[in-house]
Amino acid sequence: MKKIENRAFVCFLLALLLAAGLCFFLFRYFTRGGNWASSPFNRHLYNTSGQLASGTILDRDGDVLSKIQDGKRTYYSDETVRKATLHAVGDLQGNIGTGALNAFAHKLTGYSLLNGAFGAGRGRDLYLTLDARYNYEAYRALNGQPGAVGVYNYKTGEILCMVSSPSYDPLHVPEDIETNDRYKGAYLNRFLTTTFTPGSVYKTVTLAAAIENISGLESRTWNCTGSIGLDGDAIVCSGVHGEQHIGDAFANSCNIAFAQLAVELGAETMKRYTEQAGLSASCSIDGLPTAKGSFSWENMDKGRLGWAGVGQDQNLVNPCALMVYMGAIANGGKAAEPYLILKTKNELGVSSLPRVIRHTSTLVSAQTAEVLTEFLAENVSKSYGSKRFPNMDICAKSGTAEVGGGKNPHAWFTGFLRNEETPYAFVVVVENGGSGSTVAGTVAGRVLDTIVNGY
């Protein structure tokens, strides 16, 4: 009798395990079935060259970026457009994980739970939120320098421009792509999956913390003599700015003033505002995760804390996260979450359901966002020059991030337009590019000019 009871108990446990396994399988089937069906192992959907043989990728205006023609996948006719949209569209070998051919294969194949996936040569039309013209202009503006450009609508979430450099022509892959430094990191999407030392663009976070935690901030002054010692560490500024109020210190991008602010605020406050800004976290863009920012706030002396407050030390920021933070400032504290898939159409021409706009958490309070907006606008009028941005009400911050090793600093330029007709936030980073305002600001100006004023 005892044996029967033991065996019954074992059978019951096995039945439970089987039921649990079945439930897990069904869960994965419902949530990951499209990815399973669209796997390269499914020869039903891929041609003999290993290329996805289903679906068409288009930009927001309907320009075809990639399609199947005579059983082979082709790309846009212009070589520069192919390079400019490579990291959004993807390559034929599957090396670029953020490309639609890889990341959105289940959308292109037309997969559904009821009908499975269409066969080769069929599938859906996948419209991206990108405009190929803006990507073209951004890629040309980078002029072969490694870096990234992003522009998105902070009210709707649509990413209009997403360019990563270096790039290459997917129809003519360079033979030396693995060995030539010119193509180093060409498979990486620097906008989504890379982090950089932020330099002075991070001072926007320090300023937000100071506005909310230091009383009488706008009546105080800071004297910049070019350097200051903090716990034996010398904080060096790019110039000698003399006596200045907070607005001038921000426009001058004064390291002395902002290092002192960071020390006064303390590491815990700086950590809290960095996390609130979303710069430490990863977000998902239609399932594509962005890289997390990296910050070290533990056991910091005044010297390190001062450098961290001006965007140096061990700070690392993802360009997309910084762009969204700027969008939140522009939009009163919360920004629309960015996305890349505008819509899909099936073979009958029926579009997918309209997109539901989702917003971030509060990245900055509404009152502080309003104050920051005015400071960012003054940066342009005082330091960068409004004439560089015709017909734009632009708010921006530049950054020149020292990276050591004898390399040129990273050049940053980020901000937003506060015109109702053009609610766009943007970010430009040029790796080892030099001056933020001069180099990255020029790239941003060319791209925004195309978007706002046209060709």
Protein backbone atom coordinates (compact mmCIF):
# COMPACT_ATOMS: atom_id res chain seq x y z
CA MET A 1 0.00 0.00 0.00
CA LYS A 2 2.84 2.35 0.87
CA LYS A 3 4.48 1.70 -2.51
CA ILE A 4 1.26 2.55 -4.31
CA GLU A 5 0.94 5.81 -2.38
CA ASN A 6 4.59 6.75 -3.16
CA ARG A 7 4.15 5.95 -6.83
CA ALA A 8 0.92 7.93 -6.97
CA PHE A 9 2.69 10.89 -5.38
CA VAL A 10 5.54 10.66 -7.91
CA CYS A 11 3.02 10.49 -10.77
CA PHE A 12 1.25 13.53 -9.33
CA LEU A 13 4.52 15.47 -9.22
CA LEU A 14 5.32 14.46 -12.81
CA ALA A 15 1.86 15.56 -13.89
CA LEU A 16 2.41 18.92 -12.19
CA LEU A 17 5.76 19.31 -13.92
CA LEU A 18 4.18 18.42 -17.26
CA ALA A 19 1.38 20.95 -16.72
CA ALA A 20 3.87 23.62 -15.65
CA GLY A 21 6.03 22.89 -18.69
CA LEU A 22 3.00 23.08 -20.97
CA CYS A 23 1.94 26.40 -19.43
CA PHE A 24 5.47 27.77 -19.85
CA PHE A 25 5.56 26.58 -23.46
CA LEU A 26 2.18 28.21 -24.22
CA PHE A 27 3.29 31.44 -22.57
CA ARG A 28 6.45 31.49 -24.65
CA TYR A 29 4.46 30.59 -27.75
CA PHE A 30 2.08 33.51 -27.26
CA THR A 31 4.87 35.98 -26.44
CA ARG A 32 7.73 34.68 -28.63
CA GLY A 33 5.97 32.71 -31.36
CA GLY A 34 6.70 35.37 -33.97
CA ASN A 35 10.41 35.26 -33.23
CA TRP A 36 10.42 31.45 -33.39
CA ALA A 37 8.66 31.42 -36.74
CA SER A 38 10.94 34.13 -38.12
CA SER A 39 14.16 32.45 -37.02
CA PRO A 40 16.80 31.99 -39.75
CA PHE A 41 16.44 28.25 -39.16
CA ASN A 42 13.03 28.46 -40.83
CA ARG A 43 14.03 27.84 -44.46
CA HIS A 44 10.44 28.51 -45.45
CA LEU A 45 11.06 32.24 -44.93
CA TYR A 46 14.71 32.64 -45.95
CA ASN A 47 16.32 32.19 -49.35
CA THR A 48 19.36 30.03 -50.08
CA SER A 49 21.65 32.98 -49.25
CA GLY A 50 20.18 33.24 -45.76
CA GLN A 51 18.31 36.47 -46.51
CA LEU A 52 14.83 37.12 -45.15
CA ALA A 53 12.66 36.60 -48.23
CA SER A 54 9.48 38.20 -46.87
CA GLY A 55 8.26 41.72 -46.36
CA THR A 56 9.10 45.26 -47.44
CA ILE A 57 10.61 48.02 -45.29
CA LEU A 58 9.59 51.61 -46.01
CA ASP A 59 10.19 54.99 -44.40
CA ARG A 60 7.37 57.20 -43.12
CA ASP A 61 6.81 58.72 -46.58
CA GLY A 62 6.55 55.35 -48.31
CA ASP A 63 10.05 55.31 -49.81
CA VAL A 64 11.10 51.66 -50.12
CA LEU A 65 14.26 51.01 -48.10
CA SER A 66 14.41 47.25 -48.65
CA LYS A 67 12.28 44.72 -50.55
CA ILE A 68 12.37 41.33 -52.26
CA GLN A 69 12.98 41.46 -55.99
CA ASP A 70 13.46 38.34 -58.12
CA GLY A 71 13.90 36.27 -54.98
CA LYS A 72 16.67 38.49 -53.58
CA ARG A 73 16.58 41.29 -51.04
CA THR A 74 17.42 44.70 -52.44
CA TYR A 75 17.85 48.16 -50.92
CA TYR A 76 17.22 51.80 -51.79
CA SER A 77 18.86 52.89 -55.05
CA ASP A 78 21.03 55.64 -53.51
CA GLU A 79 24.21 54.41 -51.81
CA THR A 80 24.30 57.19 -49.20
CA VAL A 81 20.71 56.48 -48.16
CA ARG A 82 21.60 52.79 -47.82
CA LYS A 83 24.48 53.70 -45.50
CA ALA A 84 22.41 56.25 -43.58
CA THR A 85 19.58 53.80 -42.88
CA LEU A 86 21.69 50.64 -42.43
CA HIS A 87 21.35 50.43 -38.65
CA ALA A 88 17.58 50.85 -38.89
CA VAL A 89 17.02 48.51 -41.84
CA GLY A 90 19.71 45.90 -41.18
CA ASP A 91 22.23 43.97 -43.25
CA LEU A 92 21.98 40.78 -45.29
CA GLN A 93 24.27 38.82 -42.95
CA GLY A 94 22.34 39.56 -39.74
CA ASN A 95 25.28 41.28 -38.01
CA ILE A 96 23.26 44.39 -37.07
CA GLY A 97 20.89 43.38 -34.29
CA THR A 98 18.93 46.65 -34.26
CA GLY A 99 18.02 46.42 -37.94
CA ALA A 100 14.40 45.71 -38.89
CA LEU A 101 15.42 42.64 -40.92
CA ASN A 102 16.60 41.08 -37.68
CA ALA A 103 14.67 42.76 -34.87
CA PHE A 104 11.29 43.03 -36.64
CA ALA A 105 11.41 39.90 -38.80
CA HIS A 106 8.17 38.67 -37.21
CA LYS A 107 6.44 41.85 -38.42
CA LEU A 108 7.80 41.46 -41.95
CA THR A 109 6.80 37.81 -42.27
CA GLY A 110 3.19 38.59 -41.40
CA TYR A 111 3.17 36.14 -38.52
CA SER A 112 -0.01 35.68 -36.48
CA LEU A 113 -1.04 33.15 -33.85
CA LEU A 114 -3.87 31.84 -36.03
CA ASN A 115 -2.25 31.75 -39.46
CA GLY A 116 1.46 31.46 -38.72
CA ALA A 117 3.80 33.22 -41.15
CA PHE A 118 3.44 33.81 -44.88
CA GLY A 119 5.86 32.10 -47.21
CA ALA A 120 8.87 33.57 -48.99
CA GLY A 121 8.12 36.44 -51.35
CA ARG A 122 5.08 37.56 -49.35
CA GLY A 123 4.69 39.19 -45.94
CA ARG A 124 3.83 42.65 -44.69
CA ASP A 125 4.89 46.19 -45.50
CA LEU A 126 6.66 47.62 -42.46
CA TYR A 127 6.67 51.42 -42.25
CA LEU A 128 9.34 52.94 -40.02
CA THR A 129 8.88 56.31 -38.31
CA LEU A 130 12.14 57.47 -39.91
CA ASP A 131 12.40 59.89 -42.82
CA ALA A 132 15.13 58.73 -45.20
CA ARG A 133 15.88 62.36 -46.16
CA TYR A 134 16.73 63.30 -42.58
CA ASN A 135 18.94 60.24 -42.16
CA TYR A 136 20.66 61.08 -45.43
CA GLU A 137 21.43 64.61 -44.27
CA ALA A 138 22.59 63.44 -40.83
CA TYR A 139 24.94 60.86 -42.32
CA ARG A 140 26.43 63.44 -44.69
CA ALA A 141 26.81 65.93 -41.83
CA LEU A 142 28.80 63.39 -39.77
CA ASN A 143 31.14 63.14 -42.77
CA GLY A 144 32.53 59.73 -41.86
CA GLN A 145 33.22 60.57 -38.21
CA PRO A 146 32.06 57.94 -35.70
CA GLY A 147 29.03 59.03 -33.76
CA ALA A 148 25.25 59.15 -33.68
CA VAL A 149 22.38 61.48 -34.51
CA GLY A 150 18.84 61.17 -33.18
CA VAL A 151 15.72 63.32 -33.58
CA TYR A 152 12.27 62.44 -32.29
CA ASN A 153 8.86 63.95 -31.67
CA TYR A 154 8.58 64.33 -27.91
CA LYS A 155 4.77 64.57 -28.11
CA THR A 156 4.10 61.46 -30.25
CA GLY A 157 7.27 59.37 -29.74
CA GLU A 158 8.10 58.96 -33.45
CA ILE A 159 11.84 58.73 -34.14
CA LEU A 160 12.40 60.78 -37.30
CA CYS A 161 16.15 60.36 -37.56
CA MET A 162 18.44 57.61 -36.24
CA VAL A 163 21.92 57.47 -37.72
CA SER A 164 25.01 55.65 -36.52
CA SER A 165 28.47 56.02 -38.00
CA PRO A 166 30.66 54.39 -39.23
CA SER A 167 28.39 52.60 -41.65
CA TYR A 168 28.79 50.77 -44.95
CA ASP A 169 26.84 49.84 -48.06
CA PRO A 170 24.93 46.60 -47.34
CA LEU A 171 24.99 45.71 -51.04
CA HIS A 172 28.79 46.02 -51.19
CA VAL A 173 30.24 45.02 -47.83
CA PRO A 174 33.92 46.11 -47.61
CA GLU A 175 36.30 43.17 -47.71
CA ASP A 176 38.37 44.67 -44.89
CA ILE A 177 35.45 45.55 -42.61
CA GLU A 178 36.83 43.34 -39.82
CA THR A 179 40.38 44.76 -39.96
CA ASN A 180 40.12 48.37 -41.14
CA ASP A 181 39.85 50.88 -38.26
CA ARG A 182 37.66 53.00 -40.52
CA TYR A 183 34.86 50.49 -39.91
CA LYS A 184 35.54 49.86 -36.24
CA GLY A 185 32.20 49.39 -34.51
CA ALA A 186 30.26 49.54 -37.78
CA TYR A 187 27.88 46.81 -36.60
CA LEU A 188 26.99 48.83 -33.48
CA ASN A 189 24.06 51.19 -33.36
CA ARG A 190 25.73 53.98 -31.40
CA PHE A 191 22.41 55.72 -30.82
CA LEU A 192 20.79 52.75 -29.05
CA THR A 193 23.46 50.38 -27.75
CA THR A 194 26.47 52.52 -26.82
CA THR A 195 27.33 54.87 -23.95
CA PHE A 196 29.72 57.82 -23.92
CA THR A 197 31.24 60.19 -21.39
CA PRO A 198 28.69 63.05 -21.45
CA GLY A 199 30.79 66.03 -20.48
CA SER A 200 28.91 69.29 -20.06
CA VAL A 201 25.54 68.10 -21.39
CA TYR A 202 25.24 66.40 -18.01
CA LYS A 203 25.33 69.81 -16.31
CA THR A 204 21.62 70.02 -17.17
CA VAL A 205 20.99 67.33 -14.53
CA THR A 206 23.20 69.10 -12.00
CA LEU A 207 21.33 72.32 -12.70
CA ALA A 208 17.95 70.61 -12.20
CA ALA A 209 19.10 69.30 -8.81
CA ALA A 210 20.43 72.72 -7.82
CA ILE A 211 17.21 74.51 -8.78
CA GLU A 212 15.20 72.27 -6.45
CA ASN A 213 17.63 71.94 -3.55
CA ILE A 214 19.67 75.15 -3.23
CA SER A 215 17.73 78.17 -2.02
CA GLY A 216 18.55 81.55 -3.53
CA LEU A 217 20.35 79.89 -6.43
CA GLU A 218 19.69 82.65 -8.96
CA SER A 219 20.93 85.39 -6.61
CA ARG A 220 24.26 83.69 -5.92
CA THR A 221 27.51 84.15 -7.82
CA TRP A 222 30.54 81.97 -8.51
CA ASN A 223 34.02 83.22 -9.26
CA CYS A 224 35.87 81.28 -11.94
CA THR A 225 39.64 81.82 -12.06
CA GLY A 226 40.22 78.84 -14.36
CA SER A 227 40.76 76.17 -11.69
CA ILE A 228 39.88 75.20 -8.15
CA GLY A 229 41.20 72.58 -5.72
CA LEU A 230 38.80 70.08 -4.15
CA ASP A 231 40.33 67.54 -1.74
CA GLY A 232 43.64 67.88 -3.54
CA ASP A 233 42.09 67.34 -6.98
CA ALA A 234 42.29 70.27 -9.40
CA ILE A 235 39.05 71.05 -11.25
CA VAL A 236 40.06 72.85 -14.44
CA CYS A 237 37.77 75.05 -16.53
CA SER A 238 37.89 75.79 -20.25
CA GLY A 239 38.32 79.51 -19.53
CA VAL A 240 38.45 82.22 -16.89
CA HIS A 241 34.87 83.42 -16.50
CA GLY A 242 35.19 85.66 -13.46
CA GLU A 243 32.16 86.50 -11.32
CA GLN A 244 29.00 84.97 -12.75
CA HIS A 245 25.40 84.14 -11.91
CA ILE A 246 23.98 80.66 -12.52
CA GLY A 247 22.60 81.51 -15.98
CA ASP A 248 25.97 82.76 -17.18
CA ALA A 249 27.74 79.80 -15.56
CA PHE A 250 25.46 77.42 -17.50
CA ALA A 251 25.92 79.32 -20.76
CA ASN A 252 29.70 79.44 -20.17
CA SER A 253 29.59 75.73 -19.24
CA CYS A 254 31.75 76.62 -16.25
CA ASN A 255 33.33 73.60 -14.60
CA ILE A 256 34.22 75.57 -11.48
CA ALA A 257 30.64 76.60 -10.70
CA PHE A 258 29.10 73.20 -11.46
CA ALA A 259 31.74 71.22 -9.59
CA GLN A 260 31.01 73.33 -6.51
CA LEU A 261 27.28 72.80 -6.99
CA ALA A 262 27.73 69.03 -7.16
CA VAL A 263 29.78 69.01 -3.93
CA GLU A 264 27.18 71.18 -2.20
CA LEU A 265 24.35 68.89 -3.36
CA GLY A 266 26.16 65.69 -2.35
CA ALA A 267 26.48 62.29 -4.01
CA GLU A 268 23.09 60.96 -2.87
CA THR A 269 21.22 63.91 -4.36
CA MET A 270 23.19 63.70 -7.61
CA LYS A 271 22.45 59.98 -7.82
CA ARG A 272 18.74 60.56 -7.21
CA TYR A 273 18.42 63.18 -9.94
CA THR A 274 20.43 61.13 -12.40
CA GLU A 275 18.12 58.17 -11.87
CA GLN A 276 15.03 60.36 -12.07
CA ALA A 277 16.29 61.71 -15.41
CA GLY A 278 16.32 58.17 -16.75
CA LEU A 279 20.03 58.25 -17.56
CA SER A 280 20.85 55.16 -15.49
CA ALA A 281 18.15 52.92 -16.93
CA SER A 282 17.45 51.12 -20.17
CA CYS A 283 14.27 51.67 -22.15
CA SER A 284 12.67 49.51 -24.84
CA ILE A 285 12.05 50.85 -28.34
CA ASP A 286 9.67 48.38 -29.97
CA GLY A 287 11.51 45.64 -28.13
CA LEU A 288 15.01 47.02 -28.78
CA PRO A 289 16.71 47.75 -25.43
CA THR A 290 18.90 50.83 -25.11
CA ALA A 291 22.18 50.69 -23.23
CA LYS A 292 22.06 51.64 -19.56
CA GLY A 293 24.01 54.65 -18.43
CA SER A 294 26.76 54.07 -15.89
CA PHE A 295 27.53 56.21 -12.86
CA SER A 296 29.61 55.61 -9.74
CA TRP A 297 28.51 57.53 -6.66
CA GLU A 298 29.97 55.42 -3.88
CA ASN A 299 32.83 56.62 -1.66
CA MET A 300 33.43 59.78 -3.67
CA ASP A 301 35.70 62.51 -2.34
CA LYS A 302 35.01 66.13 -3.26
CA GLY A 303 37.35 66.06 -6.23
CA ARG A 304 35.66 63.09 -7.89
CA LEU A 305 32.20 64.39 -7.03
CA GLY A 306 33.09 67.75 -8.58
CA TRP A 307 34.24 66.07 -11.81
CA ALA A 308 31.12 63.88 -11.84
CA GLY A 309 28.95 66.99 -11.52
CA VAL A 310 30.38 68.39 -14.74
CA GLY A 311 29.86 65.11 -16.61
CA GLN A 312 33.31 63.58 -16.25
CA ASP A 313 34.74 61.02 -13.78
CA GLN A 314 33.14 57.63 -14.61
CA ASN A 315 29.89 58.99 -16.05
CA LEU A 316 28.58 57.26 -19.18
CA VAL A 317 25.34 58.20 -20.94
CA ASN A 318 23.36 56.65 -23.79
CA PRO A 319 22.47 59.18 -26.54
CA CYS A 320 18.85 58.02 -26.83
CA ALA A 321 18.28 58.40 -23.07
CA LEU A 322 19.67 61.93 -23.16
CA MET A 323 17.41 62.81 -26.10
CA VAL A 324 14.35 61.58 -24.20
CA TYR A 325 15.38 63.59 -21.13
CA MET A 326 15.50 66.71 -23.30
CA GLY A 327 12.07 65.80 -24.65
CA ALA A 328 10.75 65.58 -21.10
CA ILE A 329 12.07 69.05 -20.28
CA ALA A 330 10.38 70.38 -23.41
CA ASN A 331 7.11 68.61 -22.63
CA GLY A 332 6.66 69.72 -19.04
CA GLY A 333 8.38 66.82 -17.26
CA LYS A 334 7.18 63.75 -19.19
CA ALA A 335 7.99 62.82 -22.79
CA ALA A 336 6.40 60.37 -25.18
CA GLU A 337 8.27 57.07 -25.24
CA PRO A 338 10.20 56.74 -28.51
CA TYR A 339 9.32 54.10 -31.11
CA LEU A 340 10.40 53.04 -34.61
CA ILE A 341 7.48 51.11 -36.09
CA LEU A 342 4.95 53.51 -37.60
CA LYS A 343 2.56 50.84 -38.93
CA THR A 344 2.32 47.63 -40.90
CA LYS A 345 0.14 46.75 -43.89
CA ASN A 346 -0.93 43.28 -44.93
CA GLU A 347 -1.29 42.00 -48.50
CA LEU A 348 -4.79 43.49 -48.69
CA GLY A 349 -3.45 46.94 -47.79
CA VAL A 350 -5.08 46.94 -44.36
CA SER A 351 -3.05 48.92 -41.82
CA SER A 352 -2.36 47.90 -38.26
CA LEU A 353 -4.24 49.64 -35.45
CA PRO A 354 -3.21 53.22 -34.59
CA ARG A 355 -0.35 53.56 -32.16
CA VAL A 356 -1.16 54.23 -28.51
CA ILE A 357 1.11 57.01 -27.22
CA ARG A 358 2.83 56.10 -23.97
CA HIS A 359 4.73 58.52 -21.77
CA THR A 360 7.74 58.23 -19.53
CA SER A 361 7.57 58.67 -15.82
CA THR A 362 8.23 62.18 -14.53
CA LEU A 363 11.88 62.79 -15.46
CA VAL A 364 11.83 66.36 -14.13
CA SER A 365 9.18 68.38 -12.36
CA ALA A 366 7.04 70.71 -14.47
CA GLN A 367 8.27 73.81 -12.62
CA THR A 368 11.92 72.85 -12.97
CA ALA A 369 11.40 71.96 -16.66
CA GLU A 370 10.10 75.47 -17.26
CA VAL A 371 13.16 77.05 -15.64
CA LEU A 372 15.56 74.72 -17.46
CA THR A 373 13.91 75.59 -20.77
CA GLU A 374 14.73 79.27 -20.30
CA PHE A 375 18.33 78.49 -19.35
CA LEU A 376 18.73 76.23 -22.40
CA ALA A 377 17.27 78.92 -24.65
CA GLU A 378 19.72 81.48 -23.21
CA ASN A 379 22.60 79.11 -24.01
CA VAL A 380 21.78 79.49 -27.70
CA SER A 381 21.45 83.28 -27.63
CA LYS A 382 24.50 83.82 -25.39
CA SER A 383 26.94 81.13 -26.55
CA TYR A 384 26.00 79.24 -29.71
CA GLY A 385 24.34 81.89 -31.87
CA SER A 386 20.69 81.90 -32.89
CA LYS A 387 21.57 82.64 -36.53
CA ARG A 388 22.99 79.13 -36.83
CA PHE A 389 19.43 77.82 -36.42
CA PRO A 390 17.15 79.85 -38.72
CA ASN A 391 13.40 79.83 -38.08
CA MET A 392 13.86 77.78 -34.92
CA ASP A 393 13.05 78.46 -31.29
CA ILE A 394 15.82 76.19 -30.07
CA CYS A 395 16.95 75.28 -26.56
CA ALA A 396 20.24 73.40 -26.31
CA LYS A 397 23.35 72.38 -24.38
CA SER A 398 26.73 71.49 -25.81
CA GLY A 399 29.32 69.21 -24.28
CA THR A 400 33.01 68.57 -24.84
CA ALA A 401 33.76 65.38 -22.93
CA GLU A 402 37.37 64.60 -22.11
CA VAL A 403 38.14 60.89 -22.56
CA GLY A 404 41.90 60.67 -21.86
CA GLY A 405 44.45 58.55 -23.64
CA GLY A 406 45.54 61.45 -25.80
CA LYS A 407 42.31 61.29 -27.79
CA ASN A 408 40.18 64.22 -28.81
CA PRO A 409 37.12 64.80 -26.61
CA HIS A 410 33.65 63.60 -27.56
CA ALA A 411 31.54 66.38 -29.05
CA TRP A 412 27.91 66.62 -27.88
CA PHE A 413 24.97 68.82 -28.78
CA THR A 414 21.48 68.13 -27.45
CA GLY A 415 18.23 69.96 -26.85
CA PHE A 416 14.83 70.58 -28.40
CA LEU A 417 12.67 72.90 -30.46
CA ARG A 418 9.75 74.41 -28.58
CA ASN A 419 7.71 75.32 -31.65
CA GLU A 420 4.26 73.71 -31.59
CA GLU A 421 4.62 72.74 -35.24
CA THR A 422 8.03 71.11 -34.70
CA PRO A 423 8.06 69.47 -31.25
CA TYR A 424 11.38 67.71 -31.72
CA ALA A 425 14.12 66.73 -29.29
CA PHE A 426 17.55 65.89 -30.67
CA VAL A 427 20.98 64.58 -29.77
CA VAL A 428 24.28 64.50 -31.62
CA VAL A 429 27.47 62.87 -30.40
CA VAL A 430 30.66 62.77 -32.45
CA GLU A 431 33.15 60.34 -30.98
CA ASN A 432 36.53 62.07 -30.42
CA GLY A 433 35.14 64.90 -32.52
CA GLY A 434 36.42 67.90 -30.53
CA SER A 435 34.33 70.93 -29.59
CA GLY A 436 30.69 70.21 -28.80
CA SER A 437 29.28 73.52 -29.99
CA THR A 438 31.44 73.71 -33.10
CA VAL A 439 31.42 70.10 -34.31
CA ALA A 440 28.25 68.48 -32.94
CA GLY A 441 26.36 71.79 -33.06
CA THR A 442 27.09 72.10 -36.78
CA VAL A 443 25.80 68.56 -37.42
CA ALA A 444 22.64 69.30 -35.43
CA GLY A 445 22.14 72.57 -37.28
CA ARG A 446 22.28 70.89 -40.69
CA VAL A 447 19.84 68.16 -39.76
CA LEU A 448 17.37 70.50 -38.03
CA ASP A 449 17.57 72.95 -40.91
CA THR A 450 16.50 70.16 -43.28
CA ILE A 451 13.64 69.15 -41.00
CA VAL A 452 12.35 72.67 -40.32
CA ASN A 453 13.20 74.56 -43.52
CA GLY A 454 13.43 71.74 -46.08
CA TYR A 455 16.04 71.31 -48.78
